[in-house]
């Protein structure tokens, strides 16, 4: 919501509001460790503008198929900024999770482990109650593995 507010203030029709926003952005840019919506807004809006200018093909429909919107409306720009912030924050969270020794082990599992089918048909007629119990325990980290026994 603070990013949307920053976007609205930056694109305001009142020049005084825009000037106050720019002054606050200049003041907040000196903050190093404190989270500030204006700093995040500037960083994320640059990512959103870059992605807007250099769009790539996202489907198999062929080159040039679809509409490239080079001048989005303010609502579309706010939506793009929100999506860009979500993507960058998820990347930062994943990078932090992979750097953790014990808690980040789950990030290496997706390449080597196939996911278990938890559909009702498989749960009722599947491999049996002991296997299903093990899979459910493993999904909530209650299986007695060496890491869990150390804890």
Protein backbone atom coordinates (compact mmCIF):
# COMPACT_ATOMS: atom_id res chain seq x y z
CA UNK A 1 0.00 0.00 0.00
CA UNK A 2 2.89 2.36 0.69
CA UNK A 3 4.27 1.72 -2.80
CA UNK A 4 0.89 2.53 -4.32
CA UNK A 5 0.74 5.70 -2.23
CA UNK A 6 4.21 6.67 -3.45
CA UNK A 7 3.14 6.06 -7.04
CA UNK A 8 0.05 8.22 -6.57
CA UNK A 9 2.10 11.03 -5.01
CA UNK A 10 4.70 10.93 -7.78
CA UNK A 11 2.04 11.17 -10.50
CA UNK A 12 -0.15 13.74 -8.75
CA UNK A 13 -1.61 16.60 -10.77
CA UNK A 14 -0.74 19.04 -7.98
CA UNK A 15 2.85 20.29 -8.46
CA UNK A 16 3.23 21.01 -4.73
CA UNK A 17 2.48 17.37 -3.87
CA UNK A 18 5.02 16.17 -6.45
CA UNK A 19 7.63 18.56 -5.05
CA UNK A 20 7.02 17.38 -1.48
CA UNK A 21 7.32 13.78 -2.69
CA UNK A 22 10.63 14.53 -4.41
CA UNK A 23 11.98 16.31 -1.31
CA UNK A 24 11.01 13.38 0.91
CA UNK A 25 12.56 10.93 -1.54
CA UNK A 26 15.81 12.93 -1.48
CA UNK A 27 15.78 13.00 2.33
CA UNK A 28 14.96 9.30 2.71
CA UNK A 29 17.59 8.25 0.16
CA UNK A 30 20.26 8.90 2.82
CA UNK A 31 18.79 6.18 5.07
CA UNK A 32 20.94 3.07 4.89
CA UNK A 33 19.43 0.38 7.09
CA UNK A 34 15.89 1.60 7.56
CA UNK A 35 13.15 0.44 5.18
CA UNK A 36 11.50 3.37 3.43
CA UNK A 37 8.71 3.16 0.88
CA UNK A 38 10.24 5.91 -1.24
CA UNK A 39 13.57 4.08 -1.57
CA UNK A 40 11.84 0.84 -2.48
CA UNK A 41 9.54 2.69 -4.88
CA UNK A 42 12.46 4.24 -6.76
CA UNK A 43 14.25 0.89 -7.03
CA UNK A 44 11.15 -1.08 -8.05
CA UNK A 45 9.88 1.54 -10.49
CA UNK A 46 13.21 1.30 -12.33
CA UNK A 47 12.72 -2.47 -12.63
CA UNK A 48 9.13 -2.00 -13.79
CA UNK A 49 10.17 0.61 -16.38
CA UNK A 50 12.95 -1.67 -17.65
CA UNK A 51 10.54 -4.59 -17.98
CA UNK A 52 8.02 -2.33 -19.72
CA UNK A 53 10.53 -1.09 -22.28
CA UNK A 54 12.15 -4.44 -23.00
CA UNK A 55 9.27 -6.89 -23.01
CA UNK A 56 9.88 -10.41 -24.14
CA UNK A 57 7.66 -13.00 -25.71
CA UNK A 58 5.83 -15.02 -23.05
CA UNK A 59 3.79 -17.42 -25.19
CA UNK A 60 4.34 -19.66 -28.21
CA UNK A 61 1.97 -17.68 -30.42
CA UNK A 62 4.74 -16.17 -32.52
CA UNK A 63 6.88 -13.10 -32.72
CA UNK A 64 4.90 -9.87 -32.70
CA UNK A 65 1.69 -11.50 -31.52
CA UNK A 66 -0.05 -9.55 -28.82
CA UNK A 67 -0.13 -5.93 -27.83
CA UNK A 68 2.87 -4.16 -26.37
CA UNK A 69 1.65 -1.24 -24.30
CA UNK A 70 4.41 1.38 -24.36
CA UNK A 71 2.40 3.97 -22.44
CA UNK A 72 0.53 2.28 -19.58
CA UNK A 73 -2.19 4.03 -17.63
CA UNK A 74 -1.40 5.03 -14.03
CA UNK A 75 -3.39 2.04 -12.76
CA UNK A 76 -1.44 -0.36 -15.01
CA UNK A 77 1.83 1.20 -13.86
CA UNK A 78 0.86 0.73 -10.21
CA UNK A 79 0.03 -2.88 -10.98
CA UNK A 80 3.41 -3.37 -12.70
CA UNK A 81 5.22 -1.81 -9.74
CA UNK A 82 3.38 -4.10 -7.32
CA UNK A 83 4.29 -7.16 -9.38
CA UNK A 84 7.92 -6.06 -9.67
CA UNK A 85 8.13 -5.56 -5.89
CA UNK A 86 6.64 -9.01 -5.30
CA UNK A 87 9.18 -10.61 -7.64
CA UNK A 88 12.20 -8.80 -6.18
CA UNK A 89 11.17 -9.50 -2.59
CA UNK A 90 10.62 -13.20 -3.36
CA UNK A 91 14.08 -13.37 -4.95
CA UNK A 92 15.61 -11.76 -1.85
CA UNK A 93 13.76 -14.20 0.45
CA UNK A 94 14.89 -17.20 -1.59
CA UNK A 95 18.49 -15.94 -1.63
CA UNK A 96 18.37 -15.54 2.15
CA UNK A 97 16.80 -18.99 2.61
CA UNK A 98 19.51 -20.67 0.54
CA UNK A 99 22.20 -19.03 2.65
CA UNK A 100 20.86 -20.60 5.86
CA UNK A 101 22.54 -23.86 6.85
CA UNK A 102 19.63 -25.83 8.33
CA UNK A 103 16.51 -23.94 7.41
CA UNK A 104 17.55 -23.49 3.78
CA UNK A 105 17.95 -27.18 2.99
CA UNK A 106 14.47 -27.30 1.45
CA UNK A 107 15.63 -25.09 -1.43
CA UNK A 108 17.80 -27.92 -2.80
CA UNK A 109 15.02 -30.52 -2.73
CA UNK A 110 13.08 -29.37 -5.79
CA UNK A 111 15.69 -30.64 -8.25
CA UNK A 112 16.10 -34.11 -6.81
CA UNK A 113 12.71 -34.98 -5.31
CA UNK A 114 9.40 -35.62 -7.05
CA UNK A 115 6.39 -34.23 -5.25
CA UNK A 116 3.86 -36.64 -3.75
CA UNK A 117 0.38 -36.70 -5.27
CA UNK A 118 -1.98 -35.62 -2.47
CA UNK A 119 -5.20 -36.02 -4.44
CA UNK A 120 -8.15 -37.75 -2.74
CA UNK A 121 -7.97 -40.67 -5.14
CA UNK A 122 -4.33 -41.31 -4.26
CA UNK A 123 -4.94 -40.85 -0.52
CA UNK A 124 -7.83 -43.35 -0.48
CA UNK A 125 -6.61 -45.98 -2.95
CA UNK A 126 -2.90 -45.16 -2.93
CA UNK A 127 0.15 -46.68 -1.28
CA UNK A 128 -1.35 -47.22 2.16
CA UNK A 129 -1.79 -45.39 5.44
CA UNK A 130 1.82 -45.77 6.67
CA UNK A 131 3.32 -44.18 3.56
CA UNK A 132 0.77 -41.37 3.59
CA UNK A 133 1.44 -40.78 7.29
CA UNK A 134 5.18 -40.55 6.56
CA UNK A 135 4.65 -38.11 3.68
CA UNK A 136 2.44 -35.86 5.81
CA UNK A 137 4.94 -35.96 8.69
CA UNK A 138 7.77 -35.12 6.31
CA UNK A 139 5.86 -32.15 4.92
CA UNK A 140 5.59 -30.57 8.38
CA UNK A 141 9.14 -31.48 9.52
CA UNK A 142 8.18 -33.99 12.21
CA UNK A 143 10.07 -36.98 10.78
CA UNK A 144 12.96 -38.16 12.97
CA UNK A 145 15.85 -37.23 10.71
CA UNK A 146 19.38 -36.62 12.04
CA UNK A 147 18.91 -32.85 11.71
CA UNK A 148 15.66 -32.94 13.67
CA UNK A 149 17.18 -35.23 16.32
CA UNK A 150 20.03 -32.72 16.81
CA UNK A 151 17.49 -30.01 17.48
